[in-house]
Protein backbone atom coordinates (compact mmCIF):
# COMPACT_ATOMS: atom_id res chain seq x y z
CA UNK A 1 85.77 47.04 43.80
CA UNK A 2 88.26 49.50 45.38
CA UNK A 3 89.99 52.08 43.27
CA UNK A 4 93.66 51.74 42.97
CA UNK A 5 95.77 54.57 44.18
CA UNK A 6 98.02 55.61 41.36
CA UNK A 7 99.62 58.59 43.01
CA UNK A 8 103.51 58.25 43.40
CA UNK A 9 106.61 60.21 44.31
CA UNK A 10 109.19 61.05 41.93
CA UNK A 11 112.42 62.44 42.85
CA UNK A 12 113.87 65.24 40.86
CA UNK A 13 117.22 66.68 41.33
CA UNK A 14 117.35 70.46 40.73
CA UNK A 15 120.45 72.72 40.75
CA UNK A 16 120.40 75.99 42.55
CA UNK A 17 119.25 77.88 39.42
CA UNK A 18 116.45 75.31 38.99
CA UNK A 19 115.41 75.66 42.82
CA UNK A 20 115.30 79.51 42.28
CA UNK A 21 112.99 79.23 39.46
CA UNK A 22 110.76 76.81 41.35
CA UNK A 23 110.67 79.04 44.43
CA UNK A 24 109.81 82.00 42.19
CA UNK A 25 106.65 80.50 40.57
CA UNK A 26 105.64 78.18 43.40
CA UNK A 27 103.59 80.58 45.23
CA UNK A 28 101.45 81.45 41.98
CA UNK A 29 100.59 77.72 41.66
CA UNK A 30 99.90 76.90 45.29
CA UNK A 31 103.09 75.39 46.10
CA UNK A 32 106.11 73.70 44.71
CA UNK A 33 104.39 70.27 43.90
CA UNK A 34 101.57 71.98 42.32
CA UNK A 35 103.91 74.29 40.16
CA UNK A 36 105.78 71.20 39.03
CA UNK A 37 102.57 69.30 38.24
CA UNK A 38 101.47 72.37 36.12
CA UNK A 39 104.73 72.46 34.27
CA UNK A 40 104.36 68.87 33.48
CA UNK A 41 100.75 69.38 32.11
CA UNK A 42 102.00 72.30 30.13
CA UNK A 43 104.87 70.41 28.61
CA UNK A 44 102.53 67.51 27.81
CA UNK A 45 100.03 70.05 26.05
CA UNK A 46 102.87 71.45 24.07
CA UNK A 47 104.10 68.04 22.96
CA UNK A 48 100.61 67.01 21.99
CA UNK A 49 100.05 70.25 19.93
CA UNK A 50 103.55 69.50 18.27
CA UNK A 51 102.62 65.98 17.47
CA UNK A 52 99.22 67.20 16.02
CA UNK A 53 100.88 69.84 13.80
CA UNK A 54 103.39 67.26 12.59
CA UNK A 55 100.61 64.84 11.60
CA UNK A 56 98.71 67.61 9.96
CA UNK A 57 101.73 68.68 8.03
CA UNK A 58 102.42 65.02 6.94
CA UNK A 59 98.79 64.70 5.79
CA UNK A 60 98.80 67.83 3.98
CA UNK A 61 102.14 67.03 2.24
CA UNK A 62 100.80 63.67 1.21
CA UNK A 63 97.64 65.23 -0.24
CA UNK A 64 99.26 68.39 -1.71
CA UNK A 65 102.89 67.58 -2.20
CA UNK A 66 105.78 69.16 -0.14
CA UNK A 67 105.53 72.66 0.94
CA UNK A 68 107.01 75.36 -1.33
CA UNK A 69 110.24 76.84 0.33
CA UNK A 70 109.45 80.26 -0.78
CA UNK A 71 106.08 80.04 0.73
CA UNK A 72 107.36 78.83 3.86
CA UNK A 73 109.85 81.55 4.08
CA UNK A 74 107.21 84.18 3.45
CA UNK A 75 104.89 82.73 6.23
CA UNK A 76 107.81 82.47 8.66
CA UNK A 77 108.59 86.14 7.98
CA UNK A 78 105.16 87.25 8.22
CA UNK A 79 104.11 85.33 11.34
CA UNK A 80 107.33 84.53 13.36
CA UNK A 81 109.45 87.53 12.81
CA UNK A 82 109.86 89.85 15.70
CA UNK A 83 108.75 93.27 14.65
């Protein structure tokens, strides 16, 4: 049985600013295509983490009730404020 080639080509339109950004990072990733692939992989990882966090928060809320707004504000200040 032969393996099916699933590689494909996708056309993406980039404006001048996007082209400049891609040209800036491409050498660090082995070329333009590799940089785009890495960007997609990073975005997918971030998306998966966000979905996992949302699922965790929903489960936590179901078990413990909704989060305390004052506690959330305190945690946001402690962990996410710029110092």
